[in-house]
Amino acid sequence: MDVGTTGARAVLFDEAGSLQGMSYREYHSRFGPAGVVDHNPETWRSAVFELVPKVLQQTGVSPNWVTAVAVTTQRATVFPVNREGDPLAWAMSWQDKRTLPECQELTDGLGEGELYRVTGLRIDPYFSLPKLMWFQRHQPELYHAAFRFVTVHDWVLQQLTGRFVTDWTQASRTQLFDITRREWVPELARAAGLPDVPLPEVRPPGSLVGGLTKNAALRLGLLEGTPVVAAGGDQQAAAVGLGVIQPGWVQGV
């Protein structure tokens, strides 16, 4: 499953990596004044549960033959969910620019040097940290009601397995993740005025998250317990697909 910015696709590969079938669905974000770009998470959920059965029907592949589901998505888009994983608000897209004031606050308070040293990221509205600051300041009731703040990747994995898990490539775009130690840095959140940021468990890309729940398996047309893998960010997955699999390798276009 690839859940991108403007559309999602389900692609079926055999064990040799050959494409056997694909289904695609386009969707649209909502664009507002002052750089606002948000998105209804329901479009991602409905796309996932629509596209996999289409590919199975298209190819005639039995659910018994599907050995795993891998999930890759856009990064840095973030939204709050409750304990069951239901969205409490529309997602703030990675394209959103409304958090420019929060970015200035980070620059004045923490300074770009320290954030860059730990996270490898410049201060920019693209990343999740200023988005979390915006939620706390402008929608505090939602901020404090959230069981987790999730990216698209985290949420799709939770919808499939019932577990709140993310991977390094997704976490590295939150601006709350130490890219050297590969762990969350709660001190950065507190320094930004966010005392309690509920974030998912973080694992290496390619990790097994869990098996499909009974409900997810029923909706996908697959077997309960089918392994679900955190495949990482879409750009990283695209690089692997282009054969960039060794340090120093670059794929020309």
Protein backbone atom coordinates (compact mmCIF):
# COMPACT_ATOMS: atom_id res chain seq x y z
CA MET A 1 0.00 0.00 0.00
CA ASP A 2 1.26 3.45 -0.96
CA VAL A 3 -0.79 6.27 0.57
CA GLY A 4 0.51 9.45 -1.03
CA THR A 5 -0.43 13.12 -1.07
CA THR A 6 -2.78 13.12 -4.08
CA GLY A 7 -3.70 9.46 -4.30
CA ALA A 8 -3.25 5.93 -3.01
CA ARG A 9 -2.39 2.70 -4.75
CA ALA A 10 -2.32 -0.96 -3.91
CA VAL A 11 0.30 -2.96 -5.80
CA LEU A 12 0.68 -6.73 -5.80
CA PHE A 13 4.17 -8.15 -6.32
CA ASP A 14 5.32 -11.73 -6.53
CA GLU A 15 8.32 -12.97 -4.58
CA ALA A 16 10.65 -12.10 -7.47
CA GLY A 17 9.50 -8.46 -7.32
CA SER A 18 7.47 -8.58 -10.53
CA LEU A 19 4.31 -6.48 -10.60
CA GLN A 20 1.17 -8.59 -10.83
CA GLY A 21 -1.56 -5.99 -10.42
CA MET A 22 -2.30 -2.43 -9.30
CA SER A 23 -5.27 -0.26 -8.38
CA TYR A 24 -5.23 3.52 -7.85
CA ARG A 25 -7.55 6.10 -6.31
CA GLU A 26 -7.14 9.87 -6.42
CA TYR A 27 -8.22 12.20 -3.62
CA HIS A 28 -7.92 15.89 -2.81
CA SER A 29 -6.83 18.05 0.11
CA ARG A 30 -8.62 21.22 1.20
CA PHE A 31 -6.74 24.45 0.48
CA GLY A 32 -7.55 27.56 2.52
CA PRO A 33 -6.19 31.07 3.09
CA ALA A 34 -2.84 31.77 4.73
CA GLY A 35 -1.29 28.57 3.42
CA VAL A 36 -3.76 26.20 5.07
CA VAL A 37 -3.75 22.69 3.59
CA ASP A 38 -5.65 20.00 5.45
CA HIS A 39 -7.06 16.62 4.57
CA ASN A 40 -9.86 14.33 5.71
CA PRO A 41 -8.20 11.13 7.03
CA GLU A 42 -11.26 9.12 6.05
CA THR A 43 -10.16 9.31 2.41
CA TRP A 44 -6.99 7.37 3.29
CA ARG A 45 -8.87 4.73 5.24
CA SER A 46 -11.50 4.20 2.56
CA ALA A 47 -8.81 4.06 -0.15
CA VAL A 48 -6.88 1.33 1.66
CA PHE A 49 -9.96 -0.83 2.18
CA GLU A 50 -11.16 -0.25 -1.39
CA LEU A 51 -7.97 -0.82 -3.36
CA VAL A 52 -6.66 -4.11 -1.95
CA PRO A 53 -9.86 -6.07 -2.77
CA LYS A 54 -9.79 -4.56 -6.27
CA VAL A 55 -6.28 -5.86 -6.88
CA LEU A 56 -7.20 -9.31 -5.57
CA GLN A 57 -10.22 -9.40 -7.85
CA GLN A 58 -8.21 -8.07 -10.80
CA THR A 59 -5.49 -10.71 -10.44
CA GLY A 60 -7.53 -13.64 -9.16
CA VAL A 61 -5.01 -14.15 -6.38
CA SER A 62 -6.20 -16.13 -3.38
CA PRO A 63 -5.83 -14.51 0.08
CA ASN A 64 -3.85 -17.63 1.04
CA TRP A 65 -1.11 -16.57 -1.36
CA VAL A 66 -0.58 -13.12 0.15
CA THR A 67 2.37 -13.42 2.54
CA ALA A 68 2.55 -9.80 3.77
CA VAL A 69 1.26 -6.26 3.43
CA ALA A 70 3.83 -3.43 3.32
CA VAL A 71 2.79 0.16 3.98
CA THR A 72 4.53 3.29 2.69
CA THR A 73 3.12 6.84 2.82
CA GLN A 74 3.71 10.57 2.61
CA ARG A 75 5.52 12.03 5.62
CA ALA A 76 5.14 14.86 8.18
CA THR A 77 1.35 15.19 7.81
CA VAL A 78 -0.02 14.91 11.35
CA PHE A 79 -3.34 14.70 13.24
CA PRO A 80 -4.72 13.66 16.65
CA VAL A 81 -6.61 10.40 17.24
CA ASN A 82 -8.39 8.81 20.18
CA ARG A 83 -7.54 5.47 21.82
CA GLU A 84 -9.45 3.54 19.14
CA GLY A 85 -7.60 5.38 16.35
CA ASP A 86 -10.53 7.55 15.29
CA PRO A 87 -9.42 10.99 13.99
CA LEU A 88 -10.27 13.93 16.25
CA ALA A 89 -9.58 16.50 13.52
CA TRP A 90 -8.62 16.79 9.89
CA ALA A 91 -4.94 16.20 9.24
CA MET A 92 -2.55 19.10 8.78
CA SER A 93 -0.71 18.38 5.54
CA TRP A 94 3.05 18.53 5.10
CA GLN A 95 2.27 21.28 2.55
CA ASP A 96 0.60 23.48 5.19
CA LYS A 97 2.21 26.88 5.94
CA ARG A 98 0.00 28.19 8.76
CA THR A 99 2.70 27.38 11.33
CA LEU A 100 5.15 30.10 10.26
CA PRO A 101 4.66 31.90 13.64
CA GLU A 102 5.46 28.67 15.50
CA CYS A 103 8.57 28.25 13.35
CA GLN A 104 9.71 31.74 14.30
CA GLU A 105 9.10 30.88 17.95
CA LEU A 106 11.31 27.80 17.58
CA THR A 107 14.02 29.89 15.93
CA ASP A 108 13.95 32.48 18.70
CA GLY A 109 13.73 29.95 21.52
CA LEU A 110 15.63 26.77 20.65
CA GLY A 111 17.63 28.07 17.72
CA GLU A 112 18.06 26.24 14.46
CA GLY A 113 21.54 24.96 15.32
CA GLU A 114 20.48 22.70 18.18
CA LEU A 115 17.45 21.33 16.36
CA TYR A 116 19.56 20.61 13.30
CA ARG A 117 22.25 18.90 15.35
CA VAL A 118 19.78 16.48 16.92
CA THR A 119 17.16 15.99 14.20
CA GLY A 120 19.01 16.84 10.99
CA LEU A 121 16.18 19.24 10.06
CA ARG A 122 15.96 22.98 9.49
CA ILE A 123 13.07 24.83 11.09
CA ASP A 124 10.25 24.77 8.56
CA PRO A 125 6.42 24.44 8.51
CA TYR A 126 6.87 21.16 6.63
CA PHE A 127 7.75 19.25 9.78
CA SER A 128 5.46 17.97 12.54
CA LEU A 129 6.80 19.87 15.58
CA PRO A 130 5.44 23.31 14.61
CA LYS A 131 2.16 21.62 13.67
CA LEU A 132 1.88 20.14 17.17
CA MET A 133 2.59 23.58 18.62
CA TRP A 134 -0.23 24.98 16.48
CA PHE A 135 -2.68 22.37 17.75
CA GLN A 136 -1.74 23.14 21.35
CA ARG A 137 -2.17 26.89 20.90
CA HIS A 138 -5.24 27.01 18.63
CA GLN A 139 -7.11 23.80 19.51
CA PRO A 140 -5.99 22.99 23.07
CA GLU A 141 -9.03 20.81 23.77
CA LEU A 142 -8.10 18.55 20.85
CA TYR A 143 -4.46 18.56 21.85
CA HIS A 144 -5.19 17.35 25.37
CA ALA A 145 -7.88 14.90 24.21
CA ALA A 146 -5.50 13.13 21.83
CA PHE A 147 -4.41 9.62 22.74
CA ARG A 148 -1.74 9.87 20.03
CA PHE A 149 -0.59 12.28 17.37
CA VAL A 150 0.03 10.24 14.24
CA THR A 151 1.30 10.58 10.71
CA VAL A 152 -0.48 8.94 7.79
CA HIS A 153 1.88 5.96 8.02
CA ASP A 154 1.28 5.43 11.74
CA TRP A 155 -2.45 5.65 11.27
CA VAL A 156 -2.69 3.19 8.38
CA LEU A 157 -0.60 0.70 10.36
CA GLN A 158 -2.92 1.17 13.35
CA GLN A 159 -6.00 0.67 11.19
CA LEU A 160 -4.57 -2.62 9.93
CA THR A 161 -3.03 -4.04 13.12
CA GLY A 162 -4.54 -2.12 16.04
CA ARG A 163 -1.03 -1.00 17.10
CA PHE A 164 0.38 2.52 17.22
CA VAL A 165 3.79 2.10 15.58
CA THR A 166 5.95 4.22 13.29
CA ASP A 167 9.37 3.78 11.70
CA TRP A 168 12.59 5.80 11.59
CA THR A 169 11.89 7.43 8.21
CA GLN A 170 8.55 8.77 9.44
CA ALA A 171 9.84 9.77 12.88
CA SER A 172 12.76 11.63 11.30
CA ARG A 173 10.32 14.15 9.80
CA THR A 174 8.65 15.05 13.12
CA GLN A 175 11.60 17.16 14.39
CA LEU A 176 11.30 15.24 17.67
CA PHE A 177 13.56 12.32 16.73
CA ASP A 178 17.28 11.94 17.34
CA ILE A 179 18.60 10.61 14.03
CA THR A 180 21.85 9.44 15.63
CA ARG A 181 20.43 7.59 18.64
CA ARG A 182 17.23 6.78 16.70
CA GLU A 183 14.85 7.56 19.51
CA TRP A 184 12.32 10.22 20.49
CA VAL A 185 13.66 13.32 22.25
CA PRO A 186 10.99 14.45 24.74
CA GLU A 187 13.29 17.30 25.84
CA LEU A 188 12.77 18.99 22.46
CA ALA A 189 9.01 18.85 22.91
CA ARG A 190 9.23 20.33 26.40
CA ALA A 191 11.57 23.06 25.18
CA ALA A 192 8.97 23.93 22.54
CA GLY A 193 6.29 24.23 25.23
CA LEU A 194 4.77 20.79 24.63
CA PRO A 195 5.03 18.95 27.95
CA ASP A 196 3.22 15.76 26.91
CA VAL A 197 3.40 14.69 23.27
CA PRO A 198 1.86 11.22 22.90
CA LEU A 199 3.76 9.62 20.02
CA PRO A 200 3.81 6.05 18.63
CA GLU A 201 6.39 3.38 19.32
CA VAL A 202 9.25 3.71 16.82
CA ARG A 203 10.96 0.83 14.98
CA PRO A 204 13.42 0.39 12.10
CA PRO A 205 11.93 0.50 8.58
CA GLY A 206 11.13 -2.97 7.33
CA SER A 207 9.95 -4.06 10.78
CA LEU A 208 7.03 -6.37 11.31
CA VAL A 209 4.33 -4.34 13.09
CA GLY A 210 1.85 -7.13 13.67
CA GLY A 211 -0.86 -9.11 11.91
CA LEU A 212 -4.07 -7.94 10.29
CA THR A 213 -6.92 -7.69 12.76
CA LYS A 214 -10.06 -9.67 12.08
CA ASN A 215 -11.93 -6.54 10.99
CA ALA A 216 -9.14 -5.27 8.74
CA ALA A 217 -8.68 -8.69 7.15
CA LEU A 218 -12.41 -8.94 6.45
CA ARG A 219 -12.47 -5.53 4.76
CA LEU A 220 -9.32 -6.19 2.73
CA GLY A 221 -10.30 -9.68 1.67
CA LEU A 222 -7.15 -11.13 3.26
CA LEU A 223 -6.49 -13.58 6.08
CA GLU A 224 -6.53 -12.51 9.70
CA GLY A 225 -2.96 -12.36 11.02
CA THR A 226 -1.36 -11.63 7.63
CA PRO A 227 1.93 -9.84 8.53
CA VAL A 228 1.99 -6.05 8.16
CA VAL A 229 5.36 -4.35 7.59
CA ALA A 230 6.33 -0.70 8.14
CA ALA A 231 7.95 0.06 4.79
CA GLY A 232 8.78 3.70 5.56
CA GLY A 233 8.40 6.99 3.71
CA ASP A 234 7.35 7.08 0.08
CA GLN A 235 10.55 8.77 -1.11
CA GLN A 236 12.70 6.16 0.63
CA ALA A 237 10.61 3.35 -0.83
CA ALA A 238 10.89 4.96 -4.27
CA ALA A 239 14.68 5.07 -3.95
CA VAL A 240 14.79 1.36 -3.11
CA GLY A 241 12.48 0.67 -6.05
CA LEU A 242 14.93 2.50 -8.31
CA GLY A 243 17.77 0.35 -7.08
CA VAL A 244 19.43 2.81 -4.69
CA ILE A 245 20.39 0.16 -2.15
CA GLN A 246 24.03 0.91 -1.34
CA PRO A 247 25.66 3.89 0.42
CA GLY A 248 26.78 6.46 -2.14
CA TRP A 249 24.50 5.23 -4.91
CA VAL A 250 22.31 7.76 -6.76
CA GLN A 251 19.71 7.01 -9.40
CA GLY A 252 19.79 9.44 -12.32
CA VAL A 253 16.66 10.67 -14.05
